Amino acid sequence: MNIAAWAQRVALHELQQDPGDFIARHVIASLRSLTHLHEVVDGIVVALYGALKGGVVLAVLRHHHRVAIFGAVLFTLVALAAAIVLLRHPTPLRAALGVLDIAVAFVMCREALSLRRHIRT
């Protein structure tokens, strides 16, 4: 799979829907200088994001309340930052992704805190 070609198709589609889309313009401008290193770094960022989300779920399931609370708070900060970036130039898809991430962060925090309360009793 060629990440540059895929990113260009997605960015062009976004620009067709919203000609003022900052992120899509940035993606298209940066594709000219996309190197293997950039692809690896982007992949690592996405993998770390998924690992953080999975780690919080695993901590809750394993009843590690401190790790769960710390991970939930960290994920909430990341989700809020991502939502702010996504909602700078809102489209229905971006709004849905931002709201979904914030909802997941809320549920993670609630579960981590309920785990802590459950351990205390």
Protein backbone atom coordinates (compact mmCIF):
# COMPACT_ATOMS: atom_id res chain seq x y z
CA MET A 1 0.00 0.00 0.00
CA ASN A 2 1.34 3.40 -0.96
CA ILE A 3 0.55 5.75 1.92
CA ALA A 4 1.31 8.87 -0.12
CA ALA A 5 -1.21 7.95 -2.84
CA TRP A 6 -3.84 7.06 -0.26
CA ALA A 7 -3.27 10.31 1.68
CA GLN A 8 -3.46 12.32 -1.53
CA ARG A 9 -6.80 10.73 -2.48
CA VAL A 10 -8.25 11.42 0.98
CA ALA A 11 -6.92 15.00 1.05
CA LEU A 12 -8.26 15.75 -2.43
CA HIS A 13 -11.65 14.39 -1.40
CA GLU A 14 -11.62 16.61 1.71
CA LEU A 15 -10.66 19.64 -0.38
CA GLN A 16 -13.58 18.96 -2.73
CA GLN A 17 -15.93 19.03 0.25
CA ASP A 18 -14.25 21.97 2.00
CA PRO A 19 -11.86 24.10 -0.10
CA GLY A 20 -10.57 25.88 3.05
CA ASP A 21 -9.53 22.66 4.78
CA PHE A 22 -6.22 23.43 6.51
CA ILE A 23 -5.21 19.83 7.17
CA ALA A 24 -5.94 18.66 3.62
CA ARG A 25 -3.92 21.56 2.20
CA HIS A 26 -1.06 20.71 4.57
CA VAL A 27 -1.18 17.03 3.57
CA ILE A 28 -1.04 17.81 -0.14
CA ALA A 29 1.79 20.30 0.36
CA SER A 30 3.78 17.85 2.47
CA LEU A 31 3.32 14.89 0.10
CA ARG A 32 6.05 16.22 -2.16
CA SER A 33 8.54 15.85 0.65
CA LEU A 34 7.11 12.63 2.12
CA THR A 35 9.90 10.20 2.81
CA HIS A 36 10.04 6.73 4.24
CA LEU A 37 11.00 8.29 7.59
CA HIS A 38 7.83 10.42 7.62
CA GLU A 39 5.73 7.34 6.91
CA VAL A 40 7.39 5.47 9.77
CA VAL A 41 6.92 8.38 12.20
CA ASP A 42 3.25 8.77 11.23
CA GLY A 43 2.75 5.04 11.68
CA ILE A 44 4.39 5.15 15.11
CA VAL A 45 2.12 8.02 16.20
CA VAL A 46 -0.99 6.10 15.14
CA ALA A 47 0.30 2.92 16.82
CA LEU A 48 1.03 4.79 20.08
CA TYR A 49 -2.46 6.29 20.04
CA GLY A 50 -3.98 2.82 19.67
CA ALA A 51 -1.65 1.38 22.29
CA LEU A 52 -2.65 4.08 24.78
CA LYS A 53 -6.33 3.35 24.22
CA GLY A 54 -5.77 -0.40 24.47
CA GLY A 55 -3.55 0.00 27.53
CA VAL A 56 -6.26 1.84 29.44
CA VAL A 57 -8.81 -0.83 28.59
CA LEU A 58 -6.37 -3.55 29.67
CA ALA A 59 -5.60 -1.72 32.94
CA VAL A 60 -9.31 -1.49 33.74
CA LEU A 61 -9.84 -5.17 32.94
CA ARG A 62 -6.84 -6.16 35.08
CA HIS A 63 -7.96 -3.88 37.95
CA HIS A 64 -4.82 -1.72 37.92
CA HIS A 65 -6.60 1.39 39.11
CA ARG A 66 -3.62 3.77 39.19
CA VAL A 67 -2.52 2.87 35.68
CA ALA A 68 -6.13 3.06 34.49
CA ILE A 69 -6.65 6.53 35.96
CA PHE A 70 -3.35 7.88 34.64
CA GLY A 71 -3.98 6.40 31.18
CA ALA A 72 -7.56 7.67 31.10
CA VAL A 73 -6.47 11.21 32.00
CA LEU A 74 -3.69 11.10 29.39
CA PHE A 75 -6.07 9.74 26.75
CA THR A 76 -8.60 12.46 27.62
CA LEU A 77 -5.97 15.16 27.03
CA VAL A 78 -4.98 13.58 23.71
CA ALA A 79 -8.65 13.21 22.67
CA LEU A 80 -9.40 16.84 23.53
CA ALA A 81 -6.39 18.05 21.55
CA ALA A 82 -7.40 15.87 18.60
CA ALA A 83 -10.98 17.16 18.78
CA ILE A 84 -9.78 20.76 18.76
CA VAL A 85 -7.69 20.08 15.66
CA LEU A 86 -10.55 18.22 13.97
CA LEU A 87 -13.14 20.88 14.76
CA ARG A 88 -11.10 23.85 13.52
CA HIS A 89 -12.65 23.25 10.08
CA PRO A 90 -15.60 21.01 10.88
CA THR A 91 -17.15 18.51 8.52
CA PRO A 92 -19.69 15.92 9.64
CA LEU A 93 -17.01 13.19 9.65
CA ARG A 94 -14.55 15.27 11.65
CA ALA A 95 -17.23 16.29 14.15
CA ALA A 96 -18.26 12.65 14.58
CA LEU A 97 -14.65 11.54 15.11
CA GLY A 98 -13.98 14.30 17.63
CA VAL A 99 -17.16 13.62 19.60
CA LEU A 100 -16.56 9.86 19.50
CA ASP A 101 -13.04 10.23 20.89
CA ILE A 102 -14.24 12.51 23.68
CA ALA A 103 -17.04 10.05 24.50
CA VAL A 104 -14.55 7.18 24.66
CA ALA A 105 -12.31 9.26 26.93
CA PHE A 106 -15.27 10.02 29.20
CA VAL A 107 -16.16 6.33 29.45
CA MET A 108 -12.53 5.42 30.16
CA CYS A 109 -12.34 7.99 32.98
CA ARG A 110 -15.65 6.81 34.42
CA GLU A 111 -14.56 3.16 34.38
CA ALA A 112 -11.16 3.95 35.90
CA LEU A 113 -12.77 5.94 38.71
CA SER A 114 -15.41 3.29 39.36
CA LEU A 115 -12.62 0.72 39.53
CA ARG A 116 -10.93 2.83 42.20
CA ARG A 117 -14.17 3.11 44.18
CA HIS A 118 -14.73 -0.64 43.84
CA ILE A 119 -11.25 -1.40 45.21
CA ARG A 120 -11.79 0.88 48.23
CA THR A 121 -14.93 -1.00 49.30
